[in-house]
Amino acid sequence: MKRSPYSQCNTFDSIKLEIKTTTQGYSKLIWENITLGIMKTYKYVYIDICQNTHSSDTNEDPMRVEKAYFLISDSSGALDTSVSLNAGLQPRLRLYTSLFNYVLKRLDFWYGPEFDGANRVIPIRIKGVDASLQLYAEYGKACARLYIKKTFSNWKDVLKNSWVGFYKSSQHENNDYYTFQYAVNFALIDNTTTEDYDIYQYDASLTIAPGVQIRFLLDNEYDKVLAQTTPWERYYDANNVIPIKIRWYDAGLQLYTEDGKACARLYIKKTFTDWKNIFWKSWMEGGTENFDIYQYKSKLTIAPGVQIRFMIDKGYENKLVQTEPWKSG
């Protein structure tokens, strides 16, 4: 939403600015399609990370996070920053045609979406009771919210032995938690209490990172999981392209990007058990239910037109499959 009724930005429809998560609980800045025309027109191209204050004053400027401004030289890319992940962070583009223009602070803005503390994932229902569980991030740490329906007035008696476990990975066993807290020890957040629910929170010491998960367990028996969140999102951009089948074999190839680099993903069907023998000379250029997934990250910067190809051996004519060229946007 605009914070003012007056125009604040030039519209470049293809530009993408976004904040994701690093493995250390900091903000990963993602930008795409700052076109060559923009890069040539503007000598100084900056992206700021701002902390929006959500004031009722629509003309109030957000705070810029200290030292969170970055000079950009590539039209697309990704950058791990030292800004702790927090709700309300927003990337903003600043464009200057000259140093004189920079000094006078005449800005052209493009705003990316605000980072949502819960990664835009709604609370998940806790089985058998009028309550829900949500994973969110605050100052780079994994935190949990319990939404307790107001009509569930005896919840502390019913759930007196229930606890929330924090896990570094969804692959960890229920007893292999990083830390935990009993539900009855969660703190009531008065200023966020809704009409139908009371909200309780707990801030853990676990760094928020891709793969982090929380689970709600009924009691000290580790087999009674009443709810578990989806793992915290990992930034993998496959340009919304499904894997392409490798000719003659139960395998697929996919181009995606991570940290601004071109990466390849191989999907090998679990029944294709001798694939390493058949593909032992194969190479690439440039755990699902039925497939094992193998990945490789190259040093090639992702850009429109980038493509990967699967070759059966070092003979350059023996190409089994190639992906569609990477698209902008």
C-alpha atoms as a PDB file:
ATOM      1  CA  MET A   1       0.000   0.000   0.000  1.00  0.00           C
ATOM      2  CA  LYS A   2       1.137   3.514  -0.668  1.00  0.00           C
ATOM      3  CA  ARG A   3       1.780   5.543   2.466  1.00  0.00           C
ATOM      4  CA  SER A   4       0.720   8.765   0.781  1.00  0.00           C
ATOM      5  CA  PRO A   5      -2.012   9.731  -1.709  1.00  0.00           C
ATOM      6  CA  TYR A   6       0.697  11.303  -3.872  1.00  0.00           C
ATOM      7  CA  SER A   7       2.775   9.442  -6.434  1.00  0.00           C
ATOM      8  CA  GLN A   8       5.997   8.154  -4.908  1.00  0.00           C
ATOM      9  CA  CYS A   9       7.501   5.913  -7.547  1.00  0.00           C
ATOM     10  CA  ASN A  10       7.988   5.272 -11.211  1.00  0.00           C
ATOM     11  CA  THR A  11       6.431   1.950 -12.203  1.00  0.00           C
ATOM     12  CA  PHE A  12       8.770  -0.655 -13.661  1.00  0.00           C
ATOM     13  CA  ASP A  13       6.459  -3.661 -13.911  1.00  0.00           C
ATOM     14  CA  SER A  14       9.135  -6.334 -14.215  1.00  0.00           C
ATOM     15  CA  ILE A  15      11.181  -5.379 -11.142  1.00  0.00           C
ATOM     16  CA  LYS A  16      11.127  -7.798  -8.231  1.00  0.00           C
ATOM     17  CA  LEU A  17      12.425  -6.921  -4.750  1.00  0.00           C
ATOM     18  CA  GLU A  18      12.046  -9.411  -1.934  1.00  0.00           C
ATOM     19  CA  ILE A  19      13.412 -10.387   1.465  1.00  0.00           C
ATOM     20  CA  LYS A  20      14.034 -14.059   2.291  1.00  0.00           C
ATOM     21  CA  THR A  21      16.004 -15.862   5.012  1.00  0.00           C
ATOM     22  CA  THR A  22      19.682 -16.739   5.272  1.00  0.00           C
ATOM     23  CA  THR A  23      20.878 -19.796   7.187  1.00  0.00           C
ATOM     24  CA  GLN A  24      22.040 -17.501  10.031  1.00  0.00           C
ATOM     25  CA  GLY A  25      18.707 -15.763  10.720  1.00  0.00           C
ATOM     26  CA  TYR A  26      19.465 -12.652   8.699  1.00  0.00           C
ATOM     27  CA  SER A  27      17.755 -11.064   5.721  1.00  0.00           C
ATOM     28  CA  LYS A  28      18.593 -12.295   2.245  1.00  0.00           C
ATOM     29  CA  LEU A  29      17.977  -9.525  -0.283  1.00  0.00           C
ATOM     30  CA  ILE A  30      16.653 -10.722  -3.653  1.00  0.00           C
ATOM     31  CA  TRP A  31      16.322  -8.505  -6.705  1.00  0.00           C
ATOM     32  CA  GLU A  32      15.445  -9.295 -10.309  1.00  0.00           C
ATOM     33  CA  ASN A  33      14.987  -7.458 -13.593  1.00  0.00           C
ATOM     34  CA  ILE A  34      16.399  -4.066 -12.812  1.00  0.00           C
ATOM     35  CA  THR A  35      16.617  -3.646 -16.557  1.00  0.00           C
ATOM     36  CA  LEU A  36      19.682  -2.611 -18.524  1.00  0.00           C
ATOM     37  CA  GLY A  37      17.830   0.569 -19.429  1.00  0.00           C
ATOM     38  CA  ILE A  38      17.598   1.501 -15.758  1.00  0.00           C
ATOM     39  CA  MET A  39      21.202   0.505 -15.079  1.00  0.00           C
ATOM     40  CA  LYS A  40      22.395   2.717 -17.951  1.00  0.00           C
ATOM     41  CA  THR A  41      20.164   5.665 -17.083  1.00  0.00           C
ATOM     42  CA  TYR A  42      20.988   5.757 -13.380  1.00  0.00           C
ATOM     43  CA  LYS A  43      24.630   5.885 -12.332  1.00  0.00           C
ATOM     44  CA  TYR A  44      23.919   4.975  -8.723  1.00  0.00           C
ATOM     45  CA  VAL A  45      21.449   2.167  -7.990  1.00  0.00           C
ATOM     46  CA  TYR A  46      20.812   1.376  -4.329  1.00  0.00           C
ATOM     47  CA  ILE A  47      18.508  -1.006  -2.489  1.00  0.00           C
ATOM     48  CA  ASP A  48      17.681  -0.114   1.121  1.00  0.00           C
ATOM     49  CA  ILE A  49      16.189  -2.398   3.723  1.00  0.00           C
ATOM     50  CA  CYS A  50      13.707  -0.349   5.754  1.00  0.00           C
ATOM     51  CA  GLN A  51      11.840  -1.210   8.933  1.00  0.00           C
ATOM     52  CA  ASN A  52       8.256  -0.024   8.554  1.00  0.00           C
ATOM     53  CA  THR A  53       6.760   1.353  11.740  1.00  0.00           C
ATOM     54  CA  HIS A  54       3.056   0.834  10.859  1.00  0.00           C
ATOM     55  CA  SER A  55       2.147   4.249  12.211  1.00  0.00           C
ATOM     56  CA  SER A  56      -1.353   5.608  11.649  1.00  0.00           C
ATOM     57  CA  ASP A  57       0.306   8.574   9.922  1.00  0.00           C
ATOM     58  CA  THR A  58       0.334   7.544   6.249  1.00  0.00           C
ATOM     59  CA  ASN A  59       2.971  10.168   5.401  1.00  0.00           C
ATOM     60  CA  GLU A  60       5.460   9.002   8.014  1.00  0.00           C
ATOM     61  CA  ASP A  61       8.693   7.713   6.547  1.00  0.00           C
ATOM     62  CA  PRO A  62       9.868   4.283   7.692  1.00  0.00           C
ATOM     63  CA  MET A  63      13.142   3.892   9.514  1.00  0.00           C
ATOM     64  CA  ARG A  64      16.044   2.699   7.440  1.00  0.00           C
ATOM     65  CA  VAL A  65      17.829  -0.104   9.239  1.00  0.00           C
ATOM     66  CA  GLU A  66      21.283   1.120  10.206  1.00  0.00           C
ATOM     67  CA  LYS A  67      23.851   0.492   7.434  1.00  0.00           C
ATOM     68  CA  ALA A  68      21.257  -1.462   5.432  1.00  0.00           C
ATOM     69  CA  TYR A  69      21.790   0.113   2.040  1.00  0.00           C
ATOM     70  CA  PHE A  70      23.456  -1.667  -0.839  1.00  0.00           C
ATOM     71  CA  LEU A  71      24.934  -0.399  -4.120  1.00  0.00           C
ATOM     72  CA  ILE A  72      23.762  -2.684  -6.930  1.00  0.00           C
ATOM     73  CA  SER A  73      25.732  -3.360 -10.113  1.00  0.00           C
ATOM     74  CA  ASP A  74      23.868  -6.399 -11.508  1.00  0.00           C
ATOM     75  CA  SER A  75      20.316  -6.399 -12.862  1.00  0.00           C
ATOM     76  CA  SER A  76      19.455  -9.553 -10.866  1.00  0.00           C
ATOM     77  CA  GLY A  77      21.026 -11.143  -7.842  1.00  0.00           C
ATOM     78  CA  ALA A  78      20.887 -12.179  -4.205  1.00  0.00           C
ATOM     79  CA  LEU A  79      22.818 -10.897  -1.220  1.00  0.00           C
ATOM     80  CA  ASP A  80      23.106 -12.177   2.346  1.00  0.00           C
ATOM     81  CA  THR A  81      22.917  -9.164   4.685  1.00  0.00           C
ATOM     82  CA  SER A  82      23.560  -8.603   8.392  1.00  0.00           C
ATOM     83  CA  VAL A  83      20.009  -7.335   9.016  1.00  0.00           C
ATOM     84  CA  SER A  84      18.164  -9.548  11.508  1.00  0.00           C
ATOM     85  CA  LEU A  85      14.965 -10.996  10.120  1.00  0.00           C
ATOM     86  CA  ASN A  86      11.919  -9.200  11.479  1.00  0.00           C
ATOM     87  CA  ALA A  87       8.344  -8.428  10.488  1.00  0.00           C
ATOM     88  CA  GLY A  88       7.900  -5.165   8.578  1.00  0.00           C
ATOM     89  CA  LEU A  89      11.243  -5.177   6.764  1.00  0.00           C
ATOM     90  CA  GLN A  90      10.869  -3.829   3.243  1.00  0.00           C
ATOM     91  CA  PRO A  91      13.342  -3.490   0.336  1.00  0.00           C
ATOM     92  CA  ARG A  92      13.285  -0.150  -1.484  1.00  0.00           C
ATOM     93  CA  LEU A  93      15.034   0.854  -4.677  1.00  0.00           C
ATOM     94  CA  ARG A  94      16.788   4.238  -4.969  1.00  0.00           C
ATOM     95  CA  LEU A  95      17.975   5.565  -8.327  1.00  0.00           C
ATOM     96  CA  TYR A  96      20.329   8.507  -8.952  1.00  0.00           C
ATOM     97  CA  THR A  97      21.479   9.918 -12.286  1.00  0.00           C
ATOM     98  CA  SER A  98      24.501  11.726 -10.821  1.00  0.00           C
ATOM     99  CA  LEU A  99      26.454  12.436  -7.675  1.00  0.00           C
ATOM    100  CA  PHE A 100      24.788  15.868  -7.562  1.00  0.00           C
ATOM    101  CA  ASN A 101      21.415  14.128  -7.689  1.00  0.00           C
ATOM    102  CA  TYR A 102      22.558  11.818  -4.878  1.00  0.00           C
ATOM    103  CA  VAL A 103      23.606  14.701  -2.620  1.00  0.00           C
ATOM    104  CA  LEU A 104      20.254  16.456  -3.088  1.00  0.00           C
ATOM    105  CA  LYS A 105      18.438  13.194  -2.288  1.00  0.00           C
ATOM    106  CA  ARG A 106      16.133  13.362  -5.281  1.00  0.00           C
ATOM    107  CA  LEU A 107      14.882   9.801  -5.260  1.00  0.00           C
ATOM    108  CA  ASP A 108      12.930   7.501  -7.495  1.00  0.00           C
ATOM    109  CA  PHE A 109      11.440   4.682  -5.426  1.00  0.00           C
ATOM    110  CA  TRP A 110      10.311   1.156  -6.083  1.00  0.00           C
ATOM    111  CA  TYR A 111       8.981  -0.707  -3.021  1.00  0.00           C
ATOM    112  CA  GLY A 112       9.079  -4.457  -2.599  1.00  0.00           C
ATOM    113  CA  PRO A 113       6.583  -6.250  -0.333  1.00  0.00           C
ATOM    114  CA  GLU A 114       7.019  -6.071   3.427  1.00  0.00           C
ATOM    115  CA  PHE A 115       8.412  -9.201   5.016  1.00  0.00           C
ATOM    116  CA  ASP A 116       5.728 -11.017   6.967  1.00  0.00           C
ATOM    117  CA  GLY A 117       6.978 -12.384  10.294  1.00  0.00           C
ATOM    118  CA  ALA A 118       5.182 -15.704   9.761  1.00  0.00           C
ATOM    119  CA  ASN A 119       6.433 -15.995   6.165  1.00  0.00           C
ATOM    120  CA  ARG A 120       2.802 -15.592   5.008  1.00  0.00           C
ATOM    121  CA  VAL A 121       1.842 -18.994   6.452  1.00  0.00           C
ATOM    122  CA  ILE A 122      -1.440 -19.057   8.387  1.00  0.00           C
ATOM    123  CA  PRO A 123      -1.708 -20.837  11.778  1.00  0.00           C
ATOM    124  CA  ILE A 124      -2.239 -24.609  11.649  1.00  0.00           C
ATOM    125  CA  ARG A 125      -5.042 -26.199  13.662  1.00  0.00           C
ATOM    126  CA  ILE A 126      -4.043 -28.235  16.728  1.00  0.00           C
ATOM    127  CA  LYS A 127      -5.836 -31.548  16.456  1.00  0.00           C
ATOM    128  CA  GLY A 128      -8.765 -32.086  18.820  1.00  0.00           C
ATOM    129  CA  VAL A 129      -8.867 -28.643  20.450  1.00  0.00           C
ATOM    130  CA  ASP A 130      -9.923 -25.081  19.582  1.00  0.00           C
ATOM    131  CA  ALA A 131      -6.377 -23.824  19.187  1.00  0.00           C
ATOM    132  CA  SER A 132      -3.793 -23.227  16.468  1.00  0.00           C
ATOM    133  CA  LEU A 133      -0.020 -23.059  16.153  1.00  0.00           C
ATOM    134  CA  GLN A 134       2.156 -20.683  14.120  1.00  0.00           C
ATOM    135  CA  LEU A 135       5.899 -20.332  13.494  1.00  0.00           C
ATOM    136  CA  TYR A 136       7.215 -16.794  13.050  1.00  0.00           C
ATOM    137  CA  ALA A 137      10.486 -14.868  13.157  1.00  0.00           C
ATOM    138  CA  GLU A 138      11.495 -12.025  15.452  1.00  0.00           C
ATOM    139  CA  TYR A 139      14.962 -10.466  15.488  1.00  0.00           C
ATOM    140  CA  GLY A 140      16.342 -13.470  13.651  1.00  0.00           C
ATOM    141  CA  LYS A 141      15.013 -16.058  16.122  1.00  0.00           C
ATOM    142  CA  ALA A 142      12.365 -18.763  15.721  1.00  0.00           C
ATOM    143  CA  CYS A 143       9.260 -18.046  17.774  1.00  0.00           C
ATOM    144  CA  ALA A 144       5.910 -19.761  18.339  1.00  0.00           C
ATOM    145  CA  ARG A 145       2.381 -18.405  18.643  1.00  0.00           C
ATOM    146  CA  LEU A 146      -0.572 -20.214  20.157  1.00  0.00           C
ATOM    147  CA  TYR A 147      -4.048 -19.016  19.175  1.00  0.00           C
ATOM    148  CA  ILE A 148      -6.476 -20.174  21.883  1.00  0.00           C
ATOM    149  CA  LYS A 149     -10.183 -19.704  21.226  1.00  0.00           C
ATOM    150  CA  LYS A 150     -11.787 -17.693  24.025  1.00  0.00           C
ATOM    151  CA  THR A 151     -14.468 -20.359  24.499  1.00  0.00           C
ATOM    152  CA  PHE A 152     -11.687 -22.880  25.269  1.00  0.00           C
ATOM    153  CA  SER A 153     -11.496 -21.499  28.803  1.00  0.00           C
ATOM    154  CA  ASN A 154     -10.047 -24.613  30.473  1.00  0.00           C
ATOM    155  CA  TRP A 155      -7.208 -25.033  27.977  1.00  0.00           C
ATOM    156  CA  LYS A 156      -4.516 -24.866  30.661  1.00  0.00           C
ATOM    157  CA  ASP A 157      -6.060 -27.899  32.365  1.00  0.00           C
ATOM    158  CA  VAL A 158      -6.544 -29.861  29.134  1.00  0.00           C
ATOM    159  CA  LEU A 159      -3.067 -29.013  27.793  1.00  0.00           C
ATOM    160  CA  LYS A 160      -1.191 -28.842  31.103  1.00  0.00           C
ATOM    161  CA  ASN A 161       1.428 -31.360  29.906  1.00  0.00           C
ATOM    162  CA  SER A 162       1.526 -30.192  26.265  1.00  0.00           C
ATOM    163  CA  TRP A 163       4.641 -28.582  24.839  1.00  0.00           C
ATOM    164  CA  VAL A 164       6.014 -27.019  21.673  1.00  0.00           C
ATOM    165  CA  GLY A 165       9.297 -28.343  20.315  1.00  0.00           C
ATOM    166  CA  PHE A 166      11.634 -26.315  18.102  1.00  0.00           C
ATOM    167  CA  TYR A 167      13.496 -28.309  15.438  1.00  0.00           C
ATOM    168  CA  LYS A 168      16.322 -27.299  13.125  1.00  0.00           C
ATOM    169  CA  SER A 169      14.903 -29.590  10.453  1.00  0.00           C
ATOM    170  CA  SER A 170      11.653 -31.363   9.709  1.00  0.00           C
ATOM    171  CA  GLN A 171      13.748 -34.540   9.313  1.00  0.00           C
ATOM    172  CA  HIS A 172      14.617 -34.632  13.015  1.00  0.00           C
ATOM    173  CA  GLU A 173      12.833 -37.104  15.286  1.00  0.00           C
ATOM    174  CA  ASN A 174      10.335 -35.782  17.838  1.00  0.00           C
ATOM    175  CA  ASN A 175      12.787 -36.266  20.685  1.00  0.00           C
ATOM    176  CA  ASP A 176      15.590 -34.538  18.774  1.00  0.00           C
ATOM    177  CA  TYR A 177      14.431 -30.978  19.446  1.00  0.00           C
ATOM    178  CA  TYR A 178      16.694 -27.946  19.828  1.00  0.00           C
ATOM    179  CA  THR A 179      14.612 -26.497  22.657  1.00  0.00           C
ATOM    180  CA  PHE A 180      11.039 -26.671  23.940  1.00  0.00           C
ATOM    181  CA  GLN A 181       8.514 -24.870  26.124  1.00  0.00           C
ATOM    182  CA  TYR A 182       5.315 -26.000  27.836  1.00  0.00           C
ATOM    183  CA  ALA A 183       2.202 -24.405  26.348  1.00  0.00           C
ATOM    184  CA  VAL A 184       1.021 -23.125  29.743  1.00  0.00           C
ATOM    185  CA  ASN A 185       4.243 -21.106  30.034  1.00  0.00           C
ATOM    186  CA  PHE A 186       3.617 -19.113  26.850  1.00  0.00           C
ATOM    187  CA  ALA A 187       3.093 -15.390  27.500  1.00  0.00           C
ATOM    188  CA  LEU A 188      -0.239 -13.723  26.732  1.00  0.00           C
ATOM    189  CA  ILE A 189       0.173 -10.862  24.251  1.00  0.00           C
ATOM    190  CA  ASP A 190      -2.492  -8.358  25.248  1.00  0.00           C
ATOM    191  CA  ASN A 191      -2.008  -5.901  22.428  1.00  0.00           C
ATOM    192  CA  THR A 192      -2.570  -8.556  19.738  1.00  0.00           C
ATOM    193  CA  THR A 193      -5.541 -10.299  21.328  1.00  0.00           C
ATOM    194  CA  THR A 194      -8.299 -10.685  18.750  1.00  0.00           C
ATOM    195  CA  GLU A 195     -12.045 -10.791  19.204  1.00  0.00           C
ATOM    196  CA  ASP A 196     -12.270 -14.600  19.110  1.00  0.00           C
ATOM    197  CA  TYR A 197      -8.775 -15.728  20.158  1.00  0.00           C
ATOM    198  CA  ASP A 198      -6.207 -15.039  22.837  1.00  0.00           C
ATOM    199  CA  ILE A 199      -2.664 -15.108  21.490  1.00  0.00           C
ATOM    200  CA  TYR A 200       0.253 -16.511  23.461  1.00  0.00           C
ATOM    201  CA  GLN A 201       3.875 -16.338  22.342  1.00  0.00           C
ATOM    202  CA  TYR A 202       7.238 -17.846  23.132  1.00  0.00           C
ATOM    203  CA  ASP A 203      10.587 -16.581  21.816  1.00  0.00           C
ATOM    204  CA  ALA A 204      13.117 -19.380  21.434  1.00  0.00           C
ATOM    205  CA  SER A 205      16.880 -19.059  21.144  1.00  0.00           C
ATOM    206  CA  LEU A 206      16.926 -21.053  17.892  1.00  0.00           C
ATOM    207  CA  THR A 207      18.107 -19.051  14.876  1.00  0.00           C
ATOM    208  CA  ILE A 208      15.428 -18.883  12.198  1.00  0.00           C
ATOM    209  CA  ALA A 209      16.669 -20.573   9.039  1.00  0.00           C
ATOM    210  CA  PRO A 210      15.364 -22.580   6.103  1.00  0.00           C
ATOM    211  CA  GLY A 211      13.981 -25.921   7.304  1.00  0.00           C
ATOM    212  CA  VAL A 212      13.166 -24.869  10.891  1.00  0.00           C
ATOM    213  CA  GLN A 213       9.920 -26.379  12.185  1.00  0.00           C
ATOM    214  CA  ILE A 214       7.863 -26.339  15.391  1.00  0.00           C
ATOM    215  CA  ARG A 215       5.592 -29.130  16.655  1.00  0.00           C
ATOM    216  CA  PHE A 216       2.867 -29.297  19.286  1.00  0.00           C
ATOM    217  CA  LEU A 217       2.986 -32.482  21.367  1.00  0.00           C
ATOM    218  CA  LEU A 218       0.230 -33.580  23.731  1.00  0.00           C
ATOM    219  CA  ASP A 219       2.430 -34.871  26.539  1.00  0.00           C
ATOM    220  CA  ASN A 220       5.806 -36.373  27.317  1.00  0.00           C
ATOM    221  CA  GLU A 221       5.160 -39.298  24.977  1.00  0.00           C
ATOM    222  CA  TYR A 222       6.969 -38.343  21.772  1.00  0.00           C
ATOM    223  CA  ASP A 223       4.501 -40.064  19.439  1.00  0.00           C
ATOM    224  CA  LYS A 224       1.541 -37.742  20.094  1.00  0.00           C
ATOM    225  CA  VAL A 225       2.086 -34.840  17.679  1.00  0.00           C
ATOM    226  CA  LEU A 226      -1.107 -32.770  17.425  1.00  0.00           C
ATOM    227  CA  ALA A 227       0.269 -30.181  14.993  1.00  0.00           C
ATOM    228  CA  GLN A 228       3.422 -29.357  13.088  1.00  0.00           C
ATOM    229  CA  THR A 229       4.197 -26.374  10.895  1.00  0.00           C
ATOM    230  CA  THR A 230       5.555 -26.526   7.386  1.00  0.00           C
ATOM    231  CA  PRO A 231       9.356 -26.108   7.386  1.00  0.00           C
ATOM    232  CA  TRP A 232      10.517 -22.509   7.096  1.00  0.00           C
ATOM    233  CA  GLU A 233      10.796 -21.670   3.432  1.00  0.00           C
ATOM    234  CA  ARG A 234      14.070 -22.155   1.600  1.00  0.00           C
ATOM    235  CA  TYR A 235      14.783 -19.753  -1.257  1.00  0.00           C
ATOM    236  CA  TYR A 236      14.807 -21.846  -4.413  1.00  0.00           C
ATOM    237  CA  ASP A 237      13.654 -20.133  -7.579  1.00  0.00           C
ATOM    238  CA  ALA A 238      12.912 -22.563 -10.395  1.00  0.00           C
ATOM    239  CA  ASN A 239      11.252 -19.829 -12.492  1.00  0.00           C
ATOM    240  CA  ASN A 240       7.971 -21.771 -12.041  1.00  0.00           C
ATOM    241  CA  VAL A 241       9.230 -24.421 -14.494  1.00  0.00           C
ATOM    242  CA  ILE A 242       8.555 -28.089 -13.755  1.00  0.00           C
ATOM    243  CA  PRO A 243      11.378 -30.619 -14.245  1.00  0.00           C
ATOM    244  CA  ILE A 244      11.813 -31.824 -17.828  1.00  0.00           C
ATOM    245  CA  LYS A 245      12.069 -35.575 -18.416  1.00  0.00           C
ATOM    246  CA  ILE A 246      15.450 -36.965 -19.459  1.00  0.00           C
ATOM    247  CA  ARG A 247      14.801 -38.962 -22.605  1.00  0.00           C
ATOM    248  CA  TRP A 248      14.567 -42.760 -22.174  1.00  0.00           C
ATOM    249  CA  TYR A 249      15.142 -42.682 -18.411  1.00  0.00           C
ATOM    250  CA  ASP A 250      13.108 -42.293 -15.193  1.00  0.00           C
ATOM    251  CA  ALA A 251      14.779 -39.005 -14.381  1.00  0.00           C
ATOM    252  CA  GLY A 252      14.163 -35.277 -14.746  1.00  0.00           C
ATOM    253  CA  LEU A 253      16.236 -32.106 -15.017  1.00  0.00           C
ATOM    254  CA  GLN A 254      15.412 -28.647 -13.642  1.00  0.00           C
ATOM    255  CA  LEU A 255      17.126 -25.268 -13.736  1.00  0.00           C
ATOM    256  CA  TYR A 256      16.703 -23.072 -10.646  1.00  0.00           C
ATOM    257  CA  THR A 257      18.540 -20.272  -8.880  1.00  0.00           C
ATOM    258  CA  GLU A 258      19.925 -19.820  -5.397  1.00  0.00           C
ATOM    259  CA  ASP A 259      21.921 -16.806  -4.191  1.00  0.00           C
ATOM    260  CA  GLY A 260      21.763 -15.375  -7.708  1.00  0.00           C
ATOM    261  CA  LYS A 261      23.584 -18.346  -9.277  1.00  0.00           C
ATOM    262  CA  ALA A 262      22.402 -20.902 -11.840  1.00  0.00           C
ATOM    263  CA  CYS A 263      21.792 -24.318 -10.253  1.00  0.00           C
ATOM    264  CA  ALA A 264      20.704 -27.715 -11.523  1.00  0.00           C
ATOM    265  CA  ARG A 265      18.448 -30.268  -9.912  1.00  0.00           C
ATOM    266  CA  LEU A 266      18.236 -33.959 -10.910  1.00  0.00           C
ATOM    267  CA  TYR A 267      15.128 -35.976 -10.048  1.00  0.00           C
ATOM    268  CA  ILE A 268      15.998 -39.688 -10.038  1.00  0.00           C
ATOM    269  CA  LYS A 269      13.084 -42.097  -9.642  1.00  0.00           C
ATOM    270  CA  LYS A 270      13.669 -44.406  -6.694  1.00  0.00           C
ATOM    271  CA  THR A 271      13.129 -47.452  -8.906  1.00  0.00           C
ATOM    272  CA  PHE A 272      15.992 -46.296 -11.168  1.00  0.00           C
ATOM    273  CA  THR A 273      18.518 -47.885  -8.796  1.00  0.00           C
ATOM    274  CA  ASP A 274      21.393 -48.348 -11.270  1.00  0.00           C
ATOM    275  CA  TRP A 275      21.366 -44.760 -12.496  1.00  0.00           C
ATOM    276  CA  LYS A 276      24.945 -44.086 -11.344  1.00  0.00           C
ATOM    277  CA  ASN A 277      26.201 -46.969 -13.474  1.00  0.00           C
ATOM    278  CA  ILE A 278      24.296 -45.797 -16.554  1.00  0.00           C
ATOM    279  CA  PHE A 279      25.057 -42.107 -16.062  1.00  0.00           C
ATOM    280  CA  TRP A 280      28.644 -42.464 -14.846  1.00  0.00           C
ATOM    281  CA  LYS A 281      29.917 -40.430 -17.794  1.00  0.00           C
ATOM    282  CA  SER A 282      26.979 -38.071 -17.919  1.00  0.00           C
ATOM    283  CA  TRP A 283      27.322 -34.398 -17.118  1.00  0.00           C
ATOM    284  CA  MET A 284      25.421 -31.134 -17.198  1.00  0.00           C
ATOM    285  CA  GLU A 285      26.298 -28.077 -19.131  1.00  0.00           C
ATOM    286  CA  GLY A 286      26.093 -24.462 -18.116  1.00  0.00           C
ATOM    287  CA  GLY A 287      13.284 -36.430  -1.487  1.00  0.00           C
ATOM    288  CA  THR A 288      10.052 -36.617  -2.814  1.00  0.00           C
ATOM    289  CA  GLU A 289       7.819 -39.686  -2.428  1.00  0.00           C
ATOM    290  CA  ASN A 290       8.904 -41.255  -5.730  1.00  0.00           C
ATOM    291  CA  PHE A 291      12.163 -39.449  -6.538  1.00  0.00           C
ATOM    292  CA  ASP A 292      15.552 -38.824  -4.991  1.00  0.00           C
ATOM    293  CA  ILE A 293      16.725 -35.262  -5.635  1.00  0.00           C
ATOM    294  CA  TYR A 294      20.326 -34.270  -6.367  1.00  0.00           C
ATOM    295  CA  GLN A 295      21.498 -30.674  -6.705  1.00  0.00           C
ATOM    296  CA  TYR A 296      24.473 -28.727  -7.988  1.00  0.00           C
ATOM    297  CA  LYS A 297      25.199 -25.010  -7.593  1.00  0.00           C
ATOM    298  CA  SER A 298      27.350 -23.436 -10.309  1.00  0.00           C
ATOM    299  CA  LYS A 299      29.293 -20.162 -10.353  1.00  0.00           C
ATOM    300  CA  LEU A 300      27.280 -18.864 -13.312  1.00  0.00           C
ATOM    301  CA  THR A 301      25.135 -15.819 -12.512  1.00  0.00           C
ATOM    302  CA  ILE A 302      21.477 -16.486 -13.301  1.00  0.00           C
ATOM    303  CA  ALA A 303      20.144 -14.255 -16.091  1.00  0.00           C
ATOM    304  CA  PRO A 304      17.535 -14.357 -18.867  1.00  0.00           C
ATOM    305  CA  GLY A 305      18.595 -16.904 -21.477  1.00  0.00           C
ATOM    306  CA  VAL A 306      20.648 -19.167 -19.179  1.00  0.00           C
ATOM    307  CA  GLN A 307      20.071 -22.850 -19.933  1.00  0.00           C
ATOM    308  CA  ILE A 308      21.314 -26.238 -18.698  1.00  0.00           C
ATOM    309  CA  ARG A 309      21.715 -29.389 -20.818  1.00  0.00           C
ATOM    310  CA  PHE A 310      22.112 -33.052 -19.913  1.00  0.00           C
ATOM    311  CA  MET A 311      24.742 -34.901 -21.961  1.00  0.00           C
ATOM    312  CA  ILE A 312      25.077 -38.696 -21.931  1.00  0.00           C
ATOM    313  CA  ASP A 313      28.887 -38.472 -22.158  1.00  0.00           C
ATOM    314  CA  LYS A 314      31.683 -36.111 -23.215  1.00  0.00           C
ATOM    315  CA  GLY A 315      30.609 -36.347 -26.846  1.00  0.00           C
ATOM    316  CA  TYR A 316      29.024 -32.959 -27.398  1.00  0.00           C
ATOM    317  CA  GLU A 317      26.441 -34.306 -29.839  1.00  0.00           C
ATOM    318  CA  ASN A 318      24.912 -36.721 -27.309  1.00  0.00           C
ATOM    319  CA  LYS A 319      22.445 -34.371 -25.621  1.00  0.00           C
ATOM    320  CA  LEU A 320      19.454 -36.042 -23.952  1.00  0.00           C
ATOM    321  CA  VAL A 321      17.604 -32.973 -22.729  1.00  0.00           C
ATOM    322  CA  GLN A 322      17.882 -29.218 -22.297  1.00  0.00           C
ATOM    323  CA  THR A 323      15.797 -26.812 -20.205  1.00  0.00           C
ATOM    324  CA  GLU A 324      13.925 -23.825 -21.537  1.00  0.00           C
ATOM    325  CA  PRO A 325      16.005 -20.626 -21.386  1.00  0.00           C
ATOM    326  CA  TRP A 326      15.620 -18.744 -18.090  1.00  0.00           C
ATOM    327  CA  LYS A 327      12.926 -16.109 -18.361  1.00  0.00           C
ATOM    328  CA  SER A 328      12.913 -12.642 -16.912  1.00  0.00           C
ATOM    329  CA  GLY A 329      10.327 -11.879 -14.248  1.00  0.00           C
END
